PDB file of N, CA and C in Angstrom:
ATOM      1  N   MET A   1       0.833  -1.216   0.007  1.00  0.00           N
ATOM      2  CA  MET A   1      -0.020  -0.015   0.029  1.00  0.00           C
ATOM      3  C   MET A   1       0.860   1.279   0.010  1.00  0.00           C
ATOM      4  N   GLN A   2       1.949   1.213   0.707  1.00  0.00           N
ATOM      5  CA  GLN A   2       2.812   2.360   0.838  1.00  0.00           C
ATOM      6  C   GLN A   2       3.526   2.590  -0.554  1.00  0.00           C
ATOM      7  N   THR A   3       3.795   1.542  -1.255  1.00  0.00           N
ATOM      8  CA  THR A   3       4.422   1.643  -2.552  1.00  0.00           C
ATOM      9  C   THR A   3       3.476   2.346  -3.553  1.00  0.00           C
ATOM     10  N   LEU A   4       2.219   1.998  -3.543  1.00  0.00           N
ATOM     11  CA  LEU A   4       1.191   2.585  -4.359  1.00  0.00           C
ATOM     12  C   LEU A   4       1.126   4.076  -4.084  1.00  0.00           C
ATOM     13  N   ALA A   5       1.186   4.479  -2.809  1.00  0.00           N
ATOM     14  CA  ALA A   5       1.112   5.905  -2.466  1.00  0.00           C
ATOM     15  C   ALA A   5       2.321   6.635  -3.019  1.00  0.00           C
ATOM     16  N   ILE A   6       3.478   6.006  -2.974  1.00  0.00           N
ATOM     17  CA  ILE A   6       4.697   6.644  -3.529  1.00  0.00           C
ATOM     18  C   ILE A   6       4.558   6.824  -5.005  1.00  0.00           C
ATOM     19  N   TYR A   7       4.063   5.780  -5.687  1.00  0.00           N
ATOM     20  CA  TYR A   7       3.902   5.874  -7.154  1.00  0.00           C
ATOM     21  C   TYR A   7       2.860   7.006  -7.530  1.00  0.00           C
ATOM     22  N   LEU A   8       1.779   7.117  -6.734  1.00  0.00           N
ATOM     23  CA  LEU A   8       0.776   8.158  -7.022  1.00  0.00           C
ATOM     24  C   LEU A   8       1.361   9.478  -6.752  1.00  0.00           C
ATOM     25  N   TYR A   9       2.218   9.658  -5.757  1.00  0.00           N
ATOM     26  CA  TYR A   9       2.870  10.927  -5.421  1.00  0.00           C
ATOM     27  C   TYR A   9       3.791  11.312  -6.569  1.00  0.00           C
ATOM     28  N   VAL A  10       4.616  10.399  -7.053  1.00  0.00           N
ATOM     29  CA  VAL A  10       5.548  10.693  -8.087  1.00  0.00           C
ATOM     30  C   VAL A  10       4.791  11.074  -9.366  1.00  0.00           C
ATOM     31  N   MET A  11       3.679  10.336  -9.634  1.00  0.00           N
ATOM     32  CA  MET A  11       2.870  10.633 -10.810  1.00  0.00           C
ATOM     33  C   MET A  11       2.230  11.987 -10.722  1.00  0.00           C
ATOM     34  N   ALA A  12       1.780  12.379  -9.529  1.00  0.00           N
ATOM     35  CA  ALA A  12       1.196  13.707  -9.306  1.00  0.00           C
ATOM     36  C   ALA A  12       2.249  14.754  -9.472  1.00  0.00           C
ATOM     37  N   VAL A  13       3.525  14.567  -9.053  1.00  0.00           N
ATOM     38  CA  VAL A  13       4.552  15.527  -9.293  1.00  0.00           C
ATOM     39  C   VAL A  13       4.810  15.702 -10.775  1.00  0.00           C
ATOM     40  N   GLY A  14       4.845  14.666 -11.527  1.00  0.00           N
ATOM     41  CA  GLY A  14       5.006  14.738 -13.000  1.00  0.00           C
ATOM     42  C   GLY A  14       3.878  15.444 -13.658  1.00  0.00           C
ATOM     43  N   PHE A  15       2.634  15.140 -13.292  1.00  0.00           N
ATOM     44  CA  PHE A  15       1.510  15.810 -13.933  1.00  0.00           C
ATOM     45  C   PHE A  15       1.367  17.224 -13.563  1.00  0.00           C
ATOM     46  N   VAL A  16       1.628  17.599 -12.348  1.00  0.00           N
ATOM     47  CA  VAL A  16       1.585  18.966 -11.915  1.00  0.00           C
ATOM     48  C   VAL A  16       2.673  19.815 -12.658  1.00  0.00           C
ATOM     49  N   ALA A  17       3.877  19.244 -12.761  1.00  0.00           N
ATOM     50  CA  ALA A  17       4.919  19.927 -13.467  1.00  0.00           C
ATOM     51  C   ALA A  17       4.536  20.167 -14.938  1.00  0.00           C
ATOM     52  N   ALA A  18       3.924  19.118 -15.518  1.00  0.00           N
ATOM     53  CA  ALA A  18       3.522  19.207 -16.882  1.00  0.00           C
ATOM     54  C   ALA A  18       2.466  20.306 -17.089  1.00  0.00           C
ATOM     55  N   GLY A  19       1.484  20.367 -16.189  1.00  0.00           N
ATOM     56  CA  GLY A  19       0.454  21.352 -16.267  1.00  0.00           C
ATOM     57  C   GLY A  19       0.938  22.728 -16.078  1.00  0.00           C
ATOM     58  N   MET A  20       1.884  22.913 -15.160  1.00  0.00           N
ATOM     59  CA  MET A  20       2.423  24.229 -14.865  1.00  0.00           C
ATOM     60  C   MET A  20       3.243  24.716 -16.092  1.00  0.00           C
ATOM     61  N   LEU A  21       3.986  23.839 -16.629  1.00  0.00           N
ATOM     62  CA  LEU A  21       4.823  24.191 -17.804  1.00  0.00           C
ATOM     63  C   LEU A  21       3.932  24.518 -19.054  1.00  0.00           C
ATOM     64  N   ALA A  22       2.963  23.694 -19.293  1.00  0.00           N
ATOM     65  CA  ALA A  22       2.017  23.962 -20.416  1.00  0.00           C
ATOM     66  C   ALA A  22       1.229  25.252 -20.184  1.00  0.00           C
ATOM     67  N   SER A  23       0.846  25.523 -18.952  1.00  0.00           N
ATOM     68  CA  SER A  23       0.174  26.798 -18.675  1.00  0.00           C
ATOM     69  C   SER A  23       1.063  28.026 -18.831  1.00  0.00           C
ATOM     70  N   PHE A  24       2.305  27.857 -18.388  1.00  0.00           N
ATOM     71  CA  PHE A  24       3.272  28.967 -18.515  1.00  0.00           C
ATOM     72  C   PHE A  24       3.526  29.253 -19.987  1.00  0.00           C
ATOM     73  N   VAL A  25       3.684  28.214 -20.818  1.00  0.00           N
ATOM     74  CA  VAL A  25       3.946  28.474 -22.230  1.00  0.00           C
ATOM     75  C   VAL A  25       2.734  29.126 -22.860  1.00  0.00           C
ATOM     76  N   GLN A  26       1.533  28.703 -22.489  1.00  0.00           N
ATOM     77  CA  GLN A  26       0.311  29.339 -23.008  1.00  0.00           C
ATOM     78  C   GLN A  26       0.189  30.781 -22.528  1.00  0.00           C
ATOM     79  N   LEU A  27       0.599  31.090 -21.298  1.00  0.00           N
ATOM     80  CA  LEU A  27       0.581  32.435 -20.796  1.00  0.00           C
ATOM     81  C   LEU A  27       1.568  33.322 -21.568  1.00  0.00           C
ATOM     82  N   VAL A  28       2.740  32.813 -21.846  1.00  0.00           N
ATOM     83  CA  VAL A  28       3.747  33.611 -22.517  1.00  0.00           C
ATOM     84  C   VAL A  28       3.470  33.787 -24.020  1.00  0.00           C
ATOM     85  N   SER A  29       3.082  32.682 -24.633  1.00  0.00           N
ATOM     86  CA  SER A  29       2.883  32.753 -26.154  1.00  0.00           C
ATOM     87  C   SER A  29       1.485  33.099 -26.540  1.00  0.00           C
ATOM     88  N   GLY A  30       0.506  32.925 -25.691  1.00  0.00           N
ATOM     89  CA  GLY A  30      -0.847  33.213 -26.068  1.00  0.00           C
ATOM     90  C   GLY A  30      -1.596  32.127 -26.769  1.00  0.00           C
ATOM     91  N   ARG A  31      -0.991  30.988 -26.952  1.00  0.00           N
ATOM     92  CA  ARG A  31      -1.648  29.849 -27.576  1.00  0.00           C
ATOM     93  C   ARG A  31      -1.238  28.564 -26.845  1.00  0.00           C
ATOM     94  N   PRO A  32      -2.122  27.555 -26.883  1.00  0.00           N
ATOM     95  CA  PRO A  32      -1.765  26.337 -26.119  1.00  0.00           C
ATOM     96  C   PRO A  32      -0.649  25.529 -26.778  1.00  0.00           C
ATOM     97  N   LEU A  33       0.074  24.833 -25.949  1.00  0.00           N
ATOM     98  CA  LEU A  33       1.227  24.047 -26.396  1.00  0.00           C
ATOM     99  C   LEU A  33       0.763  22.837 -27.141  1.00  0.00           C
ATOM    100  N   ARG A  34       1.324  22.606 -28.323  1.00  0.00           N
ATOM    101  CA  ARG A  34       0.959  21.424 -29.136  1.00  0.00           C
ATOM    102  C   ARG A  34       2.235  20.614 -29.420  1.00  0.00           C
ATOM    103  N   PHE A  35       2.003  19.394 -29.935  1.00  0.00           N
ATOM    104  CA  PHE A  35       3.169  18.552 -30.250  1.00  0.00           C
ATOM    105  C   PHE A  35       3.858  18.942 -31.507  1.00  0.00           C
ATOM    106  N   GLY A  36       3.233  19.676 -32.389  1.00  0.00           N
ATOM    107  CA  GLY A  36       3.828  20.101 -33.672  1.00  0.00           C
ATOM    108  C   GLY A  36       4.906  21.164 -33.444  1.00  0.00           C
ATOM    109  N   LEU A  37       6.003  21.039 -34.169  1.00  0.00           N
ATOM    110  CA  LEU A  37       7.063  22.061 -34.064  1.00  0.00           C
ATOM    111  C   LEU A  37       7.151  22.812 -35.403  1.00  0.00           C
ATOM    112  N   GLU A  38       7.278  24.122 -35.295  1.00  0.00           N
ATOM    113  CA  GLU A  38       7.503  24.857 -36.540  1.00  0.00           C
ATOM    114  C   GLU A  38       9.056  24.943 -36.757  1.00  0.00           C
ATOM    115  N   PRO A  39       9.406  25.045 -38.017  1.00  0.00           N
ATOM    116  CA  PRO A  39      10.869  25.179 -38.312  1.00  0.00           C
ATOM    117  C   PRO A  39      11.420  26.472 -37.796  1.00  0.00           C
ATOM    118  N   GLN A  40      12.378  26.343 -36.874  1.00  0.00           N
ATOM    119  CA  GLN A  40      13.037  27.529 -36.250  1.00  0.00           C
ATOM    120  C   GLN A  40      14.528  27.206 -36.214  1.00  0.00           C
ATOM    121  N   SER A  41      15.252  27.945 -35.377  1.00  0.00           N
ATOM    122  CA  SER A  41      16.641  27.680 -35.279  1.00  0.00           C
ATOM    123  C   SER A  41      16.842  26.379 -34.500  1.00  0.00           C
ATOM    124  N   VAL A  42      18.067  25.829 -34.522  1.00  0.00           N
ATOM    125  CA  VAL A  42      18.338  24.583 -33.909  1.00  0.00           C
ATOM    126  C   VAL A  42      18.127  24.684 -32.370  1.00  0.00           C
ATOM    127  N   ALA A  43      18.595  25.764 -31.756  1.00  0.00           N
ATOM    128  CA  ALA A  43      18.425  25.924 -30.329  1.00  0.00           C
ATOM    129  C   ALA A  43      16.961  26.016 -29.907  1.00  0.00           C
ATOM    130  N   ALA A  44      16.186  26.724 -30.688  1.00  0.00           N
ATOM    131  CA  ALA A  44      14.738  26.847 -30.369  1.00  0.00           C
ATOM    132  C   ALA A  44      14.041  25.524 -30.529  1.00  0.00           C
ATOM    133  N   SER A  45      14.457  24.748 -31.536  1.00  0.00           N
ATOM    134  CA  SER A  45      13.819  23.441 -31.767  1.00  0.00           C
ATOM    135  C   SER A  45      14.178  22.484 -30.643  1.00  0.00           C
ATOM    136  N   LEU A  46      15.420  22.504 -30.202  1.00  0.00           N
ATOM    137  CA  LEU A  46      15.850  21.619 -29.056  1.00  0.00           C
ATOM    138  C   LEU A  46      15.102  22.014 -27.789  1.00  0.00           C
ATOM    139  N   GLY A  47      14.987  23.324 -27.513  1.00  0.00           N
ATOM    140  CA  GLY A  47      14.246  23.799 -26.397  1.00  0.00           C
ATOM    141  C   GLY A  47      12.792  23.423 -26.486  1.00  0.00           C
ATOM    142  N   GLY A  48      12.212  23.442 -27.675  1.00  0.00           N
ATOM    143  CA  GLY A  48      10.829  23.082 -27.860  1.00  0.00           C
ATOM    144  C   GLY A  48      10.585  21.597 -27.612  1.00  0.00           C
ATOM    145  N   VAL A  49      11.545  20.783 -28.013  1.00  0.00           N
ATOM    146  CA  VAL A  49      11.448  19.359 -27.760  1.00  0.00           C
ATOM    147  C   VAL A  49      11.506  19.085 -26.230  1.00  0.00           C
ATOM    148  N   ALA A  50      12.424  19.751 -25.548  1.00  0.00           N
ATOM    149  CA  ALA A  50      12.579  19.536 -24.100  1.00  0.00           C
ATOM    150  C   ALA A  50      11.274  19.982 -23.376  1.00  0.00           C
ATOM    151  N   ILE A  51      10.698  21.053 -23.789  1.00  0.00           N
ATOM    152  CA  ILE A  51       9.483  21.545 -23.163  1.00  0.00           C
ATOM    153  C   ILE A  51       8.386  20.552 -23.411  1.00  0.00           C
ATOM    154  N   ARG A  52       8.292  20.047 -24.650  1.00  0.00           N
ATOM    155  CA  ARG A  52       7.184  19.103 -24.953  1.00  0.00           C
ATOM    156  C   ARG A  52       7.361  17.732 -24.284  1.00  0.00           C
ATOM    157  N   VAL A  53       8.594  17.343 -24.012  1.00  0.00           N
ATOM    158  CA  VAL A  53       8.843  16.124 -23.304  1.00  0.00           C
ATOM    159  C   VAL A  53       8.346  16.230 -21.846  1.00  0.00           C
ATOM    160  N   LEU A  54       8.582  17.330 -21.206  1.00  0.00           N
ATOM    161  CA  LEU A  54       8.081  17.528 -19.831  1.00  0.00           C
ATOM    162  C   LEU A  54       6.628  17.845 -19.747  1.00  0.00           C
ATOM    163  N   ALA A  55       6.080  18.538 -20.741  1.00  0.00           N
ATOM    164  CA  ALA A  55       4.642  18.954 -20.754  1.00  0.00           C
ATOM    165  C   ALA A  55       3.761  17.964 -21.506  1.00  0.00           C
ATOM    166  N   GLY A  56       4.297  16.879 -21.914  1.00  0.00           N
ATOM    167  CA  GLY A  56       3.508  15.908 -22.740  1.00  0.00           C
ATOM    168  C   GLY A  56       2.218  15.398 -22.111  1.00  0.00           C
ATOM    169  N   PRO A  57       2.202  14.986 -20.834  1.00  0.00           N
ATOM    170  CA  PRO A  57       0.998  14.493 -20.255  1.00  0.00           C
ATOM    171  C   PRO A  57      -0.159  15.527 -20.216  1.00  0.00           C
ATOM    172  N   ALA A  58       0.154  16.811 -20.010  1.00  0.00           N
ATOM    173  CA  ALA A  58      -0.848  17.813 -20.048  1.00  0.00           C
ATOM    174  C   ALA A  58      -1.404  17.995 -21.507  1.00  0.00           C
ATOM    175  N   ILE A  59      -0.528  17.928 -22.429  1.00  0.00           N
ATOM    176  CA  ILE A  59      -0.952  18.073 -23.834  1.00  0.00           C
ATOM    177  C   ILE A  59      -1.889  16.906 -24.231  1.00  0.00           C
ATOM    178  N   ILE A  60      -1.452  15.702 -23.808  1.00  0.00           N
ATOM    179  CA  ILE A  60      -2.311  14.495 -24.167  1.00  0.00           C
ATOM    180  C   ILE A  60      -3.672  14.617 -23.523  1.00  0.00           C
ATOM    181  N   MET A  61      -3.682  14.950 -22.224  1.00  0.00           N
ATOM    182  CA  MET A  61      -4.978  15.037 -21.583  1.00  0.00           C
ATOM    183  C   MET A  61      -5.879  16.176 -22.062  1.00  0.00           C
ATOM    184  N   ARG A  62      -5.299  17.328 -22.446  1.00  0.00           N
ATOM    185  CA  ARG A  62      -6.113  18.395 -22.997  1.00  0.00           C
ATOM    186  C   ARG A  62      -6.715  17.966 -24.324  1.00  0.00           C
ATOM    187  N   ASN A  63      -5.904  17.283 -25.148  1.00  0.00           N
ATOM    188  CA  ASN A  63      -6.443  16.793 -26.451  1.00  0.00           C
ATOM    189  C   ASN A  63      -7.408  15.729 -26.267  1.00  0.00           C
ATOM    190  N   ALA A  64      -7.263  14.806 -25.322  1.00  0.00           N
ATOM    191  CA  ALA A  64      -8.172  13.730 -25.039  1.00  0.00           C
ATOM    192  C   ALA A  64      -9.535  14.304 -24.537  1.00  0.00           C
ATOM    193  N   TRP A  65      -9.500  15.285 -23.663  1.00  0.00           N
ATOM    194  CA  TRP A  65     -10.712  15.864 -23.145  1.00  0.00           C
ATOM    195  C   TRP A  65     -11.435  16.574 -24.245  1.00  0.00           C
ATOM    196  N   ARG A  66     -10.648  17.310 -25.149  1.00  0.00           N
ATOM    197  CA  ARG A  66     -11.275  18.000 -26.205  1.00  0.00           C
ATOM    198  C   ARG A  66     -11.970  16.981 -27.205  1.00  0.00           C
ATOM    199  N   GLY A  67     -11.251  15.850 -27.409  1.00  0.00           N
ATOM    200  CA  GLY A  67     -11.831  14.818 -28.285  1.00  0.00           C
ATOM    201  C   GLY A  67     -13.131  14.279 -27.780  1.00  0.00           C
ATOM    202  N   VAL A  68     -13.238  14.095 -26.473  1.00  0.00           N
ATOM    203  CA  VAL A  68     -14.497  13.577 -25.926  1.00  0.00           C
ATOM    204  C   VAL A  68     -15.588  14.635 -25.942  1.00  0.00           C
ATOM    205  N   GLN A  69     -15.304  15.864 -25.559  1.00  0.00           N
ATOM    206  CA  GLN A  69     -16.252  16.892 -25.418  1.00  0.00           C
ATOM    207  C   GLN A  69     -16.730  17.455 -26.809  1.00  0.00           C
ATOM    208  N   ILE A  70     -15.831  17.808 -27.663  1.00  0.00           N
ATOM    209  CA  ILE A  70     -16.165  18.480 -28.926  1.00  0.00           C
ATOM    210  C   ILE A  70     -16.345  17.465 -30.062  1.00  0.00           C
ATOM    211  N   GLU A  71     -15.447  16.554 -30.174  1.00  0.00           N
ATOM    212  CA  GLU A  71     -15.416  15.680 -31.366  1.00  0.00           C
ATOM    213  C   GLU A  71     -16.189  14.395 -31.136  1.00  0.00           C
ATOM    214  N   ALA A  72     -16.678  14.162 -29.944  1.00  0.00           N
ATOM    215  CA  ALA A  72     -17.523  13.020 -29.583  1.00  0.00           C
ATOM    216  C   ALA A  72     -16.791  11.688 -29.864  1.00  0.00           C
ATOM    217  N   ARG A  73     -15.504  11.645 -29.501  1.00  0.00           N
ATOM    218  CA  ARG A  73     -14.790  10.383 -29.652  1.00  0.00           C
ATOM    219  C   ARG A  73     -15.221   9.403 -28.600  1.00  0.00           C
ATOM    220  N   PRO A  74     -14.939   8.089 -28.771  1.00  0.00           N
ATOM    221  CA  PRO A  74     -15.391   7.085 -27.765  1.00  0.00           C
ATOM    222  C   PRO A  74     -14.615   7.293 -26.473  1.00  0.00           C
ATOM    223  N   LYS A  75     -15.215   6.854 -25.354  1.00  0.00           N
ATOM    224  CA  LYS A  75     -14.619   7.041 -24.059  1.00  0.00           C
ATOM    225  C   LYS A  75     -13.345   6.170 -23.911  1.00  0.00           C
ATOM    226  N   THR A  76     -13.277   5.084 -24.724  1.00  0.00           N
ATOM    227  CA  THR A  76     -12.085   4.235 -24.621  1.00  0.00           C
ATOM    228  C   THR A  76     -10.841   4.974 -25.051  1.00  0.00           C
ATOM    229  N   TRP A  77     -10.975   5.904 -25.996  1.00  0.00           N
ATOM    230  CA  TRP A  77      -9.813   6.743 -26.406  1.00  0.00           C
ATOM    231  C   TRP A  77      -9.375   7.649 -25.260  1.00  0.00           C
ATOM    232  N   PHE A  78     -10.353   8.151 -24.484  1.00  0.00           N
ATOM    233  CA  PHE A  78      -9.961   8.953 -23.319  1.00  0.00           C
ATOM    234  C   PHE A  78      -9.284   8.098 -22.278  1.00  0.00           C
ATOM    235  N   GLY A  79      -9.769   6.859 -22.077  1.00  0.00           N
ATOM    236  CA  GLY A  79      -9.160   6.004 -21.110  1.00  0.00           C
ATOM    237  C   GLY A  79      -7.760   5.604 -21.540  1.00  0.00           C
ATOM    238  N   ALA A  80      -7.515   5.313 -22.804  1.00  0.00           N
ATOM    239  CA  ALA A  80      -6.205   4.998 -23.288  1.00  0.00           C
ATOM    240  C   ALA A  80      -5.219   6.182 -23.144  1.00  0.00           C
ATOM    241  N   SER A  81      -5.737   7.395 -23.461  1.00  0.00           N
ATOM    242  CA  SER A  81      -4.943   8.614 -23.292  1.00  0.00           C
ATOM    243  C   SER A  81      -4.592   8.837 -21.889  1.00  0.00           C
ATOM    244  N   ALA A  82      -5.504   8.582 -20.951  1.00  0.00           N
ATOM    245  CA  ALA A  82      -5.238   8.782 -19.535  1.00  0.00           C
ATOM    246  C   ALA A  82      -4.183   7.806 -19.023  1.00  0.00           C
ATOM    247  N   VAL A  83      -4.149   6.590 -19.505  1.00  0.00           N
ATOM    248  CA  VAL A  83      -3.167   5.590 -19.136  1.00  0.00           C
ATOM    249  C   VAL A  83      -1.787   6.051 -19.657  1.00  0.00           C
ATOM    250  N   ILE A  84      -1.714   6.479 -20.867  1.00  0.00           N
ATOM    251  CA  ILE A  84      -0.477   6.954 -21.451  1.00  0.00           C
ATOM    252  C   ILE A  84       0.055   8.189 -20.702  1.00  0.00           C
ATOM    253  N   ALA A  85      -0.841   9.131 -20.436  1.00  0.00           N
ATOM    254  CA  ALA A  85      -0.453  10.344 -19.693  1.00  0.00           C
ATOM    255  C   ALA A  85      -0.008  10.004 -18.256  1.00  0.00           C
ATOM    256  N   ALA A  86      -0.649   9.020 -17.645  1.00  0.00           N
ATOM    257  CA  ALA A  86      -0.274   8.678 -16.295  1.00  0.00           C
ATOM    258  C   ALA A  86       1.085   8.002 -16.239  1.00  0.00           C
ATOM    259  N   LEU A  87       1.398   7.163 -17.218  1.00  0.00           N
ATOM    260  CA  LEU A  87       2.739   6.508 -17.222  1.00  0.00           C
ATOM    261  C   LEU A  87       3.803   7.578 -17.576  1.00  0.00           C
ATOM    262  N   TRP A  88       3.502   8.450 -18.519  1.00  0.00           N
ATOM    263  CA  TRP A  88       4.481   9.520 -18.806  1.00  0.00           C
ATOM    264  C   TRP A  88       4.684  10.434 -17.647  1.00  0.00           C
ATOM    265  N   SER A  89       3.630  10.719 -16.913  1.00  0.00           N
ATOM    266  CA  SER A  89       3.763  11.561 -15.691  1.00  0.00           C
ATOM    267  C   SER A  89       4.593  10.813 -14.642  1.00  0.00           C
ATOM    268  N   LEU A  90       4.437   9.542 -14.493  1.00  0.00           N
ATOM    269  CA  LEU A  90       5.232   8.771 -13.573  1.00  0.00           C
ATOM    270  C   LEU A  90       6.736   8.869 -13.951  1.00  0.00           C
ATOM    271  N   PHE A  91       7.048   8.702 -15.181  1.00  0.00           N
ATOM    272  CA  PHE A  91       8.480   8.784 -15.595  1.00  0.00           C
ATOM    273  C   PHE A  91       9.063  10.164 -15.441  1.00  0.00           C
ATOM    274  N   SER A  92       8.290  11.197 -15.912  1.00  0.00           N
ATOM    275  CA  SER A  92       8.788  12.548 -15.780  1.00  0.00           C
ATOM    276  C   SER A  92       8.834  12.980 -14.271  1.00  0.00           C
ATOM    277  N   GLY A  93       7.898  12.526 -13.458  1.00  0.00           N
ATOM    278  CA  GLY A  93       7.949  12.832 -12.034  1.00  0.00           C
ATOM    279  C   GLY A  93       9.184  12.183 -11.369  1.00  0.00           C
ATOM    280  N   ALA A  94       9.455  10.949 -11.732  1.00  0.00           N
ATOM    281  CA  ALA A  94      10.630  10.260 -11.227  1.00  0.00           C
ATOM    282  C   ALA A  94      11.926  11.023 -11.602  1.00  0.00           C
ATOM    283  N   PHE A  95      11.941  11.507 -12.849  1.00  0.00           N
ATOM    284  CA  PHE A  95      13.090  12.306 -13.341  1.00  0.00           C
ATOM    285  C   PHE A  95      13.245  13.574 -12.566  1.00  0.00           C
ATOM    286  N   LEU A  96      12.139  14.294 -12.393  1.00  0.00           N
ATOM    287  CA  LEU A  96      12.186  15.543 -11.676  1.00  0.00           C
ATOM    288  C   LEU A  96      12.583  15.418 -10.192  1.00  0.00           C
ATOM    289  N   LEU A  97      12.053  14.394  -9.569  1.00  0.00           N
ATOM    290  CA  LEU A  97      12.386  14.210  -8.173  1.00  0.00           C
ATOM    291  C   LEU A  97      13.819  13.759  -7.994  1.00  0.00           C
ATOM    292  N   ASP A  98      14.282  12.893  -8.943  1.00  0.00           N
ATOM    293  CA  ASP A  98      15.715  12.519  -8.908  1.00  0.00           C
ATOM    294  C   ASP A  98      16.604  13.732  -9.119  1.00  0.00           C
ATOM    295  N   LEU A  99      16.216  14.589  -9.997  1.00  0.00           N
ATOM    296  CA  LEU A  99      16.952  15.803 -10.284  1.00  0.00           C
ATOM    297  C   LEU A  99      16.967  16.714  -9.039  1.00  0.00           C
ATOM    298  N   ALA A 100      15.842  16.846  -8.380  1.00  0.00           N
ATOM    299  CA  ALA A 100      15.720  17.669  -7.129  1.00  0.00           C
ATOM    300  C   ALA A 100      16.544  17.069  -6.021  1.00  0.00           C
ATOM    301  N   MET A 101      16.667  15.760  -5.912  1.00  0.00           N
ATOM    302  CA  MET A 101      17.412  15.136  -4.909  1.00  0.00           C
ATOM    303  C   MET A 101      18.929  15.331  -5.090  1.00  0.00           C
ATOM    304  N   LYS A 102      19.345  15.458  -6.342  1.00  0.00           N
ATOM    305  CA  LYS A 102      20.804  15.613  -6.639  1.00  0.00           C
ATOM    306  C   LYS A 102      21.233  17.030  -6.488  1.00  0.00           C
ATOM    307  N   LEU A 103      20.288  17.965  -6.491  1.00  0.00           N
ATOM    308  CA  LEU A 103      20.688  19.413  -6.362  1.00  0.00           C
ATOM    309  C   LEU A 103      20.922  19.803  -4.964  1.00  0.00           C
TER     310      LEU A 103
END
């Protein structure tokens, strides 16, 4: 039971970080973060990839929610997207917590 609580905590850290990063990018740029990259300089493209790697779960869940509400996609797509976002959040949360422990 304690292990499950740790996994849920790490997953929550990853998802909160993804949401904060996606919201910050939307605040600065005025448009929501997407997976598509526009051709820019090499440094901007690498930074964009790094941002999308950390903010991926928030992007997936926003698109899944939009698909259910607006495009009337089946609920199974939302469930599959939630599982993918949860695993991605777990991995990014573990990375962020490990990074915080080393600092």
